[in-house]
């Protein structure tokens, strides 16, 4: 098993907001719930309906026996069923701190074939986003105002990440070995064409040397086989490490993970508080990569309602998480801290991920939304919000009151 550093690692997501740390034995013993079984249709919906009486996730709140009856006999063109969608939410009743999603897509068509289940989950998870709503995409970095002036005495590092899926292939919970290898081949060939500041190298997990592995661990770049029951129950770790790998540019500021929880995870990052530079690199690299994919006659999954299509409903839309590691030792102890974050549409976690405590008053602060706002809007919220949080921290250092700085709800 390879090691993972959470410093630049998303506190991973079959729910964007959640990673459950499990004891290795528990994780290893957890089977992949393969429900491709046509004989189940010999039994009534009542016989097959899962017991969700103790569950606390979005799927469990929305899946009724009547809805299950309606959907259970359907499947997408690739063979993904509603039982496949919900397996992770059945096997994982809930997270102690966060309301998990409890469902995943196995292909692009899952979101239309099972829209009667996914639409209400998406509406709940994304603050009332309606089936008729249209998503906004804006990857014009020049539309961002400011972002190059976050105080480096407080902001230790800045990072923007997203996910992408290649149209025509099943998503990680459902893809075959051949599909996964094809996604890897298409992606690696496109990445090999990147030049200049984006020139880099691909490291396949299965034939990485010990020296390469150690260097990637030291750089905090490596991802490992998932241990989260949320991911294992949805089938994302099948055939590990076949078809998985990491690519990064020579200056180690632009990364692409291949076939982890999505076909592609694209990450731009650097030390310090220049979010403007990070976002410019993110947009430029991502759009160049997309053009190279299109040159190969492929395209990313996208539609005007859901934006970019990803495995977990929590990541739909932009798939974007813009975050900084920021020192807020005084503000974080203030009674209004949580309310201020909520009003700014930001979320916090420890720098080691969703389940970790902050160390030395350093938090990972990022946008709470993914869908219904454009990439520029989300990064703008982080830039403006973090500037305000730092101003509040500075006032507290002087022993001054911060009530006048408490923002209105965005």
Foldseek 3Di string as FASTA:
>chain_A
DADFFLLVPQLDDLFSQDFDDDDLVVLVPDAAPDPLDPCCVVDALVVVPAPLPQAQALLSVQDDSVLCNVFQVDADPLGHGVCLFQQLCRVDRQDPPDHGHRGWFFAPCCCVSSVSRLQSSLCVLFVRQHQPDFWDADLPLVPFDDQQDQDQVWFWKKKKKFFWAWHPATWLLHGDLVRLQVLLVLLQVLQCPDDDQSHKDKDQVVPHDPVRSVVCVVVSNDDDQGSGSSCNNSRNRPPPPRSWIKMGGPVRQWIWTASHNGRIMIMGMDTGRRVSVSSNCRSVVVVSSQVSSVVVVIHTDADRRFGGDTTRSNCTRQSMKIKTWTAQQPLVVDPCNVVLCQLLQKDWDASRHNPDDHDNRIIIIIHNHRTRYYPSVRVNSVSVSSSLSVVQSVCVVVVHDCVVSRDGRD
